[in-house]
Amino acid sequence: AKRMSKEAERAIEMINKSNEDRPPVEMPMMDDDMDIDESP
């Protein structure tokens, strides 16, 4: 139980860290009639 819980902790921390280290994506300024780029 301890081993599996620790593996789950590491897995969650890896996902969290991958998002922390991801460089910020600048969102474009949009007019009301401008198409939204949903890629970011």
All heavy atoms as atom14 arrays in JSON, in Angstrom:
{
  "sequence": "AKRMSKEAERAIEMINKSNEDRPPVEMPMMDDDMDIDESP",
  "atom14_mask": [
    [1, 1, 1, 1, 1, 0, 0, 0, 0, 0, 0, 0, 0, 0],
    [1, 1, 1, 1, 1, 1, 1, 1, 1, 0, 0, 0, 0, 0],
    [1, 1, 1, 1, 1, 1, 1, 1, 1, 1, 1, 0, 0, 0],
    [1, 1, 1, 1, 1, 1, 1, 1, 0, 0, 0, 0, 0, 0],
    [1, 1, 1, 1, 1, 1, 0, 0, 0, 0, 0, 0, 0, 0],
    [1, 1, 1, 1, 1, 1, 1, 1, 1, 0, 0, 0, 0, 0],
    [1, 1, 1, 1, 1, 1, 1, 1, 1, 0, 0, 0, 0, 0],
    [1, 1, 1, 1, 1, 0, 0, 0, 0, 0, 0, 0, 0, 0],
    [1, 1, 1, 1, 1, 1, 1, 1, 1, 0, 0, 0, 0, 0],
    [1, 1, 1, 1, 1, 1, 1, 1, 1, 1, 1, 0, 0, 0],
    [1, 1, 1, 1, 1, 0, 0, 0, 0, 0, 0, 0, 0, 0],
    [1, 1, 1, 1, 1, 1, 1, 1, 0, 0, 0, 0, 0, 0],
    [1, 1, 1, 1, 1, 1, 1, 1, 1, 0, 0, 0, 0, 0],
    [1, 1, 1, 1, 1, 1, 1, 1, 0, 0, 0, 0, 0, 0],
    [1, 1, 1, 1, 1, 1, 1, 1, 0, 0, 0, 0, 0, 0],
    [1, 1, 1, 1, 1, 1, 1, 1, 0, 0, 0, 0, 0, 0],
    [1, 1, 1, 1, 1, 1, 1, 1, 1, 0, 0, 0, 0, 0],
    [1, 1, 1, 1, 1, 1, 0, 0, 0, 0, 0, 0, 0, 0],
    [1, 1, 1, 1, 1, 1, 1, 1, 0, 0, 0, 0, 0, 0],
    [1, 1, 1, 1, 1, 1, 1, 1, 1, 0, 0, 0, 0, 0],
    [1, 1, 1, 1, 1, 1, 1, 1, 0, 0, 0, 0, 0, 0],
    [1, 1, 1, 1, 1, 1, 1, 1, 1, 1, 1, 0, 0, 0],
    [1, 1, 1, 1, 1, 1, 1, 0, 0, 0, 0, 0, 0, 0],
    [1, 1, 1, 1, 1, 1, 1, 0, 0, 0, 0, 0, 0, 0],
    [1, 1, 1, 1, 1, 1, 1, 0, 0, 0, 0, 0, 0, 0],
    [1, 1, 1, 1, 1, 1, 1, 1, 1, 0, 0, 0, 0, 0],
    [1, 1, 1, 1, 1, 1, 1, 1, 0, 0, 0, 0, 0, 0],
    [1, 1, 1, 1, 1, 1, 1, 0, 0, 0, 0, 0, 0, 0],
    [1, 1, 1, 1, 1, 1, 1, 1, 0, 0, 0, 0, 0, 0],
    [1, 1, 1, 1, 1, 1, 1, 1, 0, 0, 0, 0, 0, 0],
    [1, 1, 1, 1, 1, 1, 1, 1, 0, 0, 0, 0, 0, 0],
    [1, 1, 1, 1, 1, 1, 1, 1, 0, 0, 0, 0, 0, 0],
    [1, 1, 1, 1, 1, 1, 1, 1, 0, 0, 0, 0, 0, 0],
    [1, 1, 1, 1, 1, 1, 1, 1, 0, 0, 0, 0, 0, 0],
    [1, 1, 1, 1, 1, 1, 1, 1, 0, 0, 0, 0, 0, 0],
    [1, 1, 1, 1, 1, 1, 1, 1, 0, 0, 0, 0, 0, 0],
    [1, 1, 1, 1, 1, 1, 1, 1, 0, 0, 0, 0, 0, 0],
    [1, 1, 1, 1, 1, 1, 1, 1, 1, 0, 0, 0, 0, 0],
    [1, 1, 1, 1, 1, 1, 0, 0, 0, 0, 0, 0, 0, 0],
    [1, 1, 1, 1, 1, 1, 1, 0, 0, 0, 0, 0, 0, 0]
  ],
  "atom14_positions": [
    [[0.83, -1.2, 0.0], [0.0, 0.0, 0.0], [0.87, 1.25, 0.0], [0.59, 2.22, -0.72], [-0.92, -0.01, 1.22], [0.0, 0.0, 0.0], [0.0, 0.0, 0.0], [0.0, 0.0, 0.0], [0.0, 0.0, 0.0], [0.0, 0.0, 0.0], [0.0, 0.0, 0.0], [0.0, 0.0, 0.0], [0.0, 0.0, 0.0], [0.0, 0.0, 0.0]],
    [[1.92, 1.24, 0.82], [2.82, 2.39, 0.87], [3.51, 2.59, -0.47], [3.61, 3.72, -0.97], [3.85, 2.18, 1.97], [4.91, 3.27, 2.06], [5.9, 2.96, 3.17], [7.09, 3.91, 3.15], [8.07, 3.61, 4.22], [0.0, 0.0, 0.0], [0.0, 0.0, 0.0], [0.0, 0.0, 0.0], [0.0, 0.0, 0.0], [0.0, 0.0, 0.0]],
    [[3.98, 1.49, -1.07], [4.7, 1.6, -2.34], [3.8, 2.16, -3.44], [4.2, 3.06, -4.19], [5.23, 0.22, -2.74], [6.1, 0.26, -4.01], [6.64, -1.11, -4.36], [5.6, -2.07, -4.7], [5.18, -3.04, -3.92], [5.72, -3.21, -2.71], [4.23, -3.89, -4.31], [0.0, 0.0, 0.0], [0.0, 0.0, 0.0], [0.0, 0.0, 0.0]],
    [[2.57, 1.65, -3.52], [1.66, 2.11, -4.58], [1.22, 3.56, -4.35], [1.09, 4.34, -5.3], [0.44, 1.19, -4.64], [0.77, -0.2, -5.14], [-0.6, -1.35, -4.93], [0.19, -2.89, -5.4], [0.0, 0.0, 0.0], [0.0, 0.0, 0.0], [0.0, 0.0, 0.0], [0.0, 0.0, 0.0], [0.0, 0.0, 0.0], [0.0, 0.0, 0.0]],
    [[1.02, 3.92, -3.08], [0.64, 5.3, -2.77], [1.76, 6.26, -3.15], [1.51, 7.34, -3.69], [0.31, 5.43, -1.28], [-0.83, 4.69, -0.94], [0.0, 0.0, 0.0], [0.0, 0.0, 0.0], [0.0, 0.0, 0.0], [0.0, 0.0, 0.0], [0.0, 0.0, 0.0], [0.0, 0.0, 0.0], [0.0, 0.0, 0.0], [0.0, 0.0, 0.0]],
    [[3.01, 5.86, -2.87], [4.14, 6.72, -3.21], [4.28, 6.83, -4.73], [4.64, 7.9, -5.24], [5.43, 6.16, -2.58], [5.47, 6.3, -1.07], [6.77, 5.81, -0.47], [7.89, 6.78, -0.72], [9.12, 6.41, 0.04], [0.0, 0.0, 0.0], [0.0, 0.0, 0.0], [0.0, 0.0, 0.0], [0.0, 0.0, 0.0], [0.0, 0.0, 0.0]],
    [[3.99, 5.75, -5.44], [4.04, 5.82, -6.91], [2.96, 6.76, -7.42], [3.19, 7.53, -8.37], [3.86, 4.42, -7.51], [5.07, 3.51, -7.34], [4.84, 2.13, -7.94], [3.8, 1.94, -8.61], [5.7, 1.25, -7.75], [0.0, 0.0, 0.0], [0.0, 0.0, 0.0], [0.0, 0.0, 0.0], [0.0, 0.0, 0.0], [0.0, 0.0, 0.0]],
    [[1.79, 6.73, -6.79], [0.72, 7.65, -7.19], [1.12, 9.09, -6.9], [0.86, 9.99, -7.72], [-0.57, 7.29, -6.44], [0.0, 0.0, 0.0], [0.0, 0.0, 0.0], [0.0, 0.0, 0.0], [0.0, 0.0, 0.0], [0.0, 0.0, 0.0], [0.0, 0.0, 0.0], [0.0, 0.0, 0.0], [0.0, 0.0, 0.0], [0.0, 0.0, 0.0]],
    [[1.75, 9.32, -5.75], [2.24, 10.67, -5.42], [3.2, 11.16, -6.49], [3.1, 12.31, -6.96], [2.96, 10.65, -4.07], [2.07, 10.48, -2.87], [2.88, 10.35, -1.6], [3.79, 11.16, -1.38], [2.61, 9.41, -0.81], [0.0, 0.0, 0.0], [0.0, 0.0, 0.0], [0.0, 0.0, 0.0], [0.0, 0.0, 0.0], [0.0, 0.0, 0.0]],
    [[4.16, 10.31, -6.87], [5.15, 10.71, -7.87], [4.49, 10.99, -9.21], [4.87, 11.93, -9.92], [6.23, 9.63, -8.02], [7.23, 9.58, -6.87], [8.44, 8.74, -7.23], [8.1, 7.33, -7.33], [8.17, 6.47, -6.33], [8.56, 6.88, -5.14], [7.87, 5.2, -6.5], [0.0, 0.0, 0.0], [0.0, 0.0, 0.0], [0.0, 0.0, 0.0]],
    [[3.49, 10.16, -9.57], [2.8, 10.35, -10.84], [2.09, 11.7, -10.88], [2.17, 12.45, -11.86], [1.8, 9.22, -11.06], [0.0, 0.0, 0.0], [0.0, 0.0, 0.0], [0.0, 0.0, 0.0], [0.0, 0.0, 0.0], [0.0, 0.0, 0.0], [0.0, 0.0, 0.0], [0.0, 0.0, 0.0], [0.0, 0.0, 0.0], [0.0, 0.0, 0.0]],
    [[1.41, 12.02, -9.78], [0.67, 13.29, -9.73], [1.63, 14.46, -9.75], [1.4, 15.47, -10.43], [-0.22, 13.33, -8.47], [-1.29, 12.23, -8.55], [-0.88, 14.69, -8.32], [-2.04, 12.0, -7.25], [0.0, 0.0, 0.0], [0.0, 0.0, 0.0], [0.0, 0.0, 0.0], [0.0, 0.0, 0.0], [0.0, 0.0, 0.0], [0.0, 0.0, 0.0]],
    [[2.73, 14.33, -9.01], [3.72, 15.42, -8.98], [4.36, 15.63, -10.34], [4.69, 16.75, -10.72], [4.78, 15.12, -7.92], [4.25, 15.3, -6.49], [5.19, 14.77, -5.44], [6.23, 14.16, -5.82], [4.9, 14.95, -4.24], [0.0, 0.0, 0.0], [0.0, 0.0, 0.0], [0.0, 0.0, 0.0], [0.0, 0.0, 0.0], [0.0, 0.0, 0.0]],
    [[4.56, 14.54, -11.11], [5.12, 14.66, -12.45], [4.18, 15.45, -13.36], [4.6, 16.31, -14.13], [5.39, 13.27, -13.04], [6.6, 12.56, -12.43], [6.67, 10.8, -12.91], [6.94, 10.96, -14.66], [0.0, 0.0, 0.0], [0.0, 0.0, 0.0], [0.0, 0.0, 0.0], [0.0, 0.0, 0.0], [0.0, 0.0, 0.0], [0.0, 0.0, 0.0]],
    [[2.87, 15.15, -13.27], [1.9, 15.88, -14.09], [1.87, 17.35, -13.67], [1.86, 18.26, -14.5], [0.5, 15.25, -13.96], [0.51, 13.82, -14.51], [-0.53, 16.09, -14.7], [-0.77, 13.05, -14.26], [0.0, 0.0, 0.0], [0.0, 0.0, 0.0], [0.0, 0.0, 0.0], [0.0, 0.0, 0.0], [0.0, 0.0, 0.0], [0.0, 0.0, 0.0]],
    [[1.87, 17.57, -12.35], [1.83, 18.94, -11.84], [3.07, 19.72, -12.28], [2.99, 20.87, -12.7], [1.73, 18.91, -10.32], [1.24, 20.22, -9.74], [0.34, 20.85, -10.28], [1.85, 20.65, -8.66], [0.0, 0.0, 0.0], [0.0, 0.0, 0.0], [0.0, 0.0, 0.0], [0.0, 0.0, 0.0], [0.0, 0.0, 0.0], [0.0, 0.0, 0.0]],
    [[4.24, 19.07, -12.19], [5.49, 19.73, -12.55], [5.52, 20.04, -14.04], [6.03, 21.08, -14.46], [6.69, 18.87, -12.16], [8.02, 19.58, -12.33], [9.16, 18.72, -11.81], [10.48, 19.49, -11.82], [10.84, 19.98, -13.14], [0.0, 0.0, 0.0], [0.0, 0.0, 0.0], [0.0, 0.0, 0.0], [0.0, 0.0, 0.0], [0.0, 0.0, 0.0]],
    [[5.0, 19.14, -14.87], [5.01, 19.38, -16.32], [4.2, 20.62, -16.66], [4.52, 21.34, -17.6], [4.46, 18.16, -17.07], [3.07, 18.02, -16.87], [0.0, 0.0, 0.0], [0.0, 0.0, 0.0], [0.0, 0.0, 0.0], [0.0, 0.0, 0.0], [0.0, 0.0, 0.0], [0.0, 0.0, 0.0], [0.0, 0.0, 0.0], [0.0, 0.0, 0.0]],
    [[3.16, 20.88, -15.88], [2.35, 22.08, -16.11], [3.0, 23.32, -15.52], [2.91, 24.4, -16.09], [0.95, 21.9, -15.52], [0.06, 21.04, -16.38], [-0.51, 21.5, -17.36], [-0.04, 19.76, -16.05], [0.0, 0.0, 0.0], [0.0, 0.0, 0.0], [0.0, 0.0, 0.0], [0.0, 0.0, 0.0], [0.0, 0.0, 0.0], [0.0, 0.0, 0.0]],
    [[3.68, 23.18, -14.37], [4.4, 24.31, -13.79], [5.5, 24.8, -14.71], [5.73, 26.0, -14.85], [5.02, 23.91, -12.45], [4.03, 23.77, -11.31], [4.73, 23.35, -10.05], [5.88, 23.79, -9.81], [4.16, 22.57, -9.28], [0.0, 0.0, 0.0], [0.0, 0.0, 0.0], [0.0, 0.0, 0.0], [0.0, 0.0, 0.0], [0.0, 0.0, 0.0]],
    [[6.24, 23.85, -15.33], [7.39, 24.2, -16.14], [7.03, 24.62, -17.56], [7.88, 25.08, -18.31], [8.37, 23.02, -16.21], [9.01, 22.74, -14.86], [8.97, 23.65, -14.0], [9.52, 21.63, -14.66], [0.0, 0.0, 0.0], [0.0, 0.0, 0.0], [0.0, 0.0, 0.0], [0.0, 0.0, 0.0], [0.0, 0.0, 0.0], [0.0, 0.0, 0.0]],
    [[5.77, 24.45, -17.94], [5.36, 24.83, -19.29], [5.43, 26.34, -19.44], [4.87, 27.07, -18.61], [3.92, 24.35, -19.56], [3.38, 24.7, -20.92], [2.11, 23.92, -21.19], [1.16, 24.04, -20.11], [0.27, 25.03, -20.01], [0.24, 25.99, -20.91], [-0.6, 25.07, -19.0], [0.0, 0.0, 0.0], [0.0, 0.0, 0.0], [0.0, 0.0, 0.0]],
    [[6.12, 26.87, -20.46], [6.2, 28.32, -20.63], [4.83, 28.92, -20.87], [3.98, 28.31, -21.5], [7.11, 28.49, -21.86], [7.02, 27.2, -22.58], [6.81, 26.14, -21.53], [0.0, 0.0, 0.0], [0.0, 0.0, 0.0], [0.0, 0.0, 0.0], [0.0, 0.0, 0.0], [0.0, 0.0, 0.0], [0.0, 0.0, 0.0], [0.0, 0.0, 0.0]],
    [[4.6, 30.14, -20.36], [3.3, 30.78, -20.55], [3.01, 31.06, -22.02], [3.91, 31.35, -22.79], [3.42, 32.08, -19.74], [4.89, 32.34, -19.66], [5.55, 30.99, -19.63], [0.0, 0.0, 0.0], [0.0, 0.0, 0.0], [0.0, 0.0, 0.0], [0.0, 0.0, 0.0], [0.0, 0.0, 0.0], [0.0, 0.0, 0.0], [0.0, 0.0, 0.0]],
    [[1.76, 30.94, -22.37], [1.33, 31.19, -23.75], [0.58, 32.51, -23.77], [-0.4, 32.7, -23.04], [0.41, 30.06, -24.25], [-0.06, 30.37, -25.67], [1.14, 28.72, -24.2], [0.0, 0.0, 0.0], [0.0, 0.0, 0.0], [0.0, 0.0, 0.0], [0.0, 0.0, 0.0], [0.0, 0.0, 0.0], [0.0, 0.0, 0.0], [0.0, 0.0, 0.0]],
    [[1.06, 33.46, -24.56], [0.41, 34.76, -24.65], [-0.88, 34.62, -25.47], [-0.87, 34.12, -26.59], [1.34, 35.78, -25.33], [2.57, 36.12, -24.51], [2.22, 36.93, -23.27], [1.11, 37.5, -23.24], [3.05, 36.98, -22.35], [0.0, 0.0, 0.0], [0.0, 0.0, 0.0], [0.0, 0.0, 0.0], [0.0, 0.0, 0.0], [0.0, 0.0, 0.0]],
    [[-1.98, 35.06, -24.9], [-3.25, 35.04, -25.61], [-3.4, 36.33, -26.43], [-3.1, 37.42, -25.94], [-4.41, 34.95, -24.61], [-4.41, 33.63, -23.84], [-4.89, 32.25, -24.88], [-6.63, 32.55, -25.06], [0.0, 0.0, 0.0], [0.0, 0.0, 0.0], [0.0, 0.0, 0.0], [0.0, 0.0, 0.0], [0.0, 0.0, 0.0], [0.0, 0.0, 0.0]],
    [[-3.84, 36.23, -27.67], [-3.99, 37.43, -28.49], [-5.13, 38.3, -28.01], [-6.09, 37.83, -27.42], [-4.3, 36.84, -29.88], [-4.95, 35.53, -29.59], [-4.27, 35.01, -28.35], [0.0, 0.0, 0.0], [0.0, 0.0, 0.0], [0.0, 0.0, 0.0], [0.0, 0.0, 0.0], [0.0, 0.0, 0.0], [0.0, 0.0, 0.0], [0.0, 0.0, 0.0]],
    [[-4.98, 39.61, -28.24], [-6.06, 40.54, -27.96], [-7.15, 40.3, -29.0], [-6.88, 40.12, -30.19], [-5.56, 41.98, -28.04], [-4.49, 42.31, -27.0], [-5.11, 42.16, -25.31], [-6.28, 43.53, -25.28], [0.0, 0.0, 0.0], [0.0, 0.0, 0.0], [0.0, 0.0, 0.0], [0.0, 0.0, 0.0], [0.0, 0.0, 0.0], [0.0, 0.0, 0.0]],
    [[-8.42, 40.28, -28.55], [-9.5, 39.91, -29.47], [-10.58, 40.98, -29.52], [-10.96, 41.54, -28.48], [-10.14, 38.58, -29.02], [-9.19, 37.4, -29.11], [-9.97, 35.9, -28.51], [-10.1, 36.28, -26.78], [0.0, 0.0, 0.0], [0.0, 0.0, 0.0], [0.0, 0.0, 0.0], [0.0, 0.0, 0.0], [0.0, 0.0, 0.0], [0.0, 0.0, 0.0]],
    [[-11.05, 41.24, -30.72], [-12.24, 42.06, -30.88], [-13.45, 41.15, -30.75], [-13.35, 39.92, -30.82], [-12.24, 42.74, -32.26], [-11.05, 43.69, -32.41], [-10.67, 44.31, -31.39], [-10.52, 43.79, -33.54], [0.0, 0.0, 0.0], [0.0, 0.0, 0.0], [0.0, 0.0, 0.0], [0.0, 0.0, 0.0], [0.0, 0.0, 0.0], [0.0, 0.0, 0.0]],
    [[-14.62, 41.76, -30.59], [-15.82, 40.96, -30.4], [-16.11, 40.07, -31.59], [-16.66, 38.96, -31.46], [-17.03, 41.88, -30.15], [-16.92, 42.57, -28.8], [-16.17, 42.06, -27.94], [-17.58, 43.62, -28.62], [0.0, 0.0, 0.0], [0.0, 0.0, 0.0], [0.0, 0.0, 0.0], [0.0, 0.0, 0.0], [0.0, 0.0, 0.0], [0.0, 0.0, 0.0]],
    [[-15.73, 40.53, -32.8], [-16.04, 39.76, -34.0], [-14.85, 38.93, -34.48], [-14.86, 38.38, -35.57], [-16.5, 40.69, -35.13], [-15.45, 41.76, -35.46], [-14.49, 41.9, -34.66], [-15.61, 42.44, -36.49], [0.0, 0.0, 0.0], [0.0, 0.0, 0.0], [0.0, 0.0, 0.0], [0.0, 0.0, 0.0], [0.0, 0.0, 0.0], [0.0, 0.0, 0.0]],
    [[-13.84, 38.84, -33.66], [-12.62, 38.12, -34.06], [-12.77, 36.64, -33.74], [-13.27, 36.26, -32.68], [-11.42, 38.7, -33.3], [-10.1, 38.03, -33.62], [-8.75, 38.81, -32.68], [-7.38, 37.78, -33.18], [0.0, 0.0, 0.0], [0.0, 0.0, 0.0], [0.0, 0.0, 0.0], [0.0, 0.0, 0.0], [0.0, 0.0, 0.0], [0.0, 0.0, 0.0]],
    [[-12.33, 35.78, -34.66], [-12.34, 34.34, -34.41], [-11.36, 34.01, -33.3], [-10.26, 34.55, -33.24], [-11.96, 33.56, -35.68], [-13.03, 33.7, -36.75], [-14.19, 33.95, -36.37], [-12.69, 33.55, -37.94], [0.0, 0.0, 0.0], [0.0, 0.0, 0.0], [0.0, 0.0, 0.0], [0.0, 0.0, 0.0], [0.0, 0.0, 0.0], [0.0, 0.0, 0.0]],
    [[-11.74, 33.1, -32.43], [-10.91, 32.71, -31.29], [-10.03, 31.54, -31.68], [-10.51, 30.5, -32.16], [-11.78, 32.31, -30.08], [-12.61, 33.51, -29.64], [-10.92, 31.81, -28.93], [-13.59, 33.18, -28.51], [0.0, 0.0, 0.0], [0.0, 0.0, 0.0], [0.0, 0.0, 0.0], [0.0, 0.0, 0.0], [0.0, 0.0, 0.0], [0.0, 0.0, 0.0]],
    [[-8.75, 31.72, -31.49], [-7.8, 30.62, -31.7], [-7.75, 29.79, -30.42], [-7.24, 30.24, -29.4], [-6.42, 31.18, -32.03], [-5.39, 30.07, -32.25], [-5.79, 28.89, -32.27], [-4.19, 30.39, -32.38], [0.0, 0.0, 0.0], [0.0, 0.0, 0.0], [0.0, 0.0, 0.0], [0.0, 0.0, 0.0], [0.0, 0.0, 0.0], [0.0, 0.0, 0.0]],
    [[-8.3, 28.59, -30.46], [-8.39, 27.77, -29.25], [-7.17, 26.9, -29.02], [-7.13, 26.15, -28.06], [-9.63, 26.88, -29.33], [-10.93, 27.67, -29.35], [-12.15, 26.76, -29.3], [-11.95, 25.54, -29.39], [-13.27, 27.27, -29.17], [0.0, 0.0, 0.0], [0.0, 0.0, 0.0], [0.0, 0.0, 0.0], [0.0, 0.0, 0.0], [0.0, 0.0, 0.0]],
    [[-6.15, 27.03, -29.89], [-4.99, 26.14, -29.74], [-4.29, 26.27, -28.4], [-3.87, 25.26, -27.82], [-4.0, 26.36, -30.89], [-3.57, 27.69, -30.93], [0.0, 0.0, 0.0], [0.0, 0.0, 0.0], [0.0, 0.0, 0.0], [0.0, 0.0, 0.0], [0.0, 0.0, 0.0], [0.0, 0.0, 0.0], [0.0, 0.0, 0.0], [0.0, 0.0, 0.0]],
    [[-4.11, 27.51, -27.83], [-3.45, 27.57, -26.53], [-4.24, 26.87, -25.45], [-3.67, 26.35, -24.5], [-3.37, 29.08, -26.25], [-3.47, 29.73, -27.59], [-4.39, 28.85, -28.36], [0.0, 0.0, 0.0], [0.0, 0.0, 0.0], [0.0, 0.0, 0.0], [0.0, 0.0, 0.0], [0.0, 0.0, 0.0], [0.0, 0.0, 0.0], [0.0, 0.0, 0.0]]
  ]
}
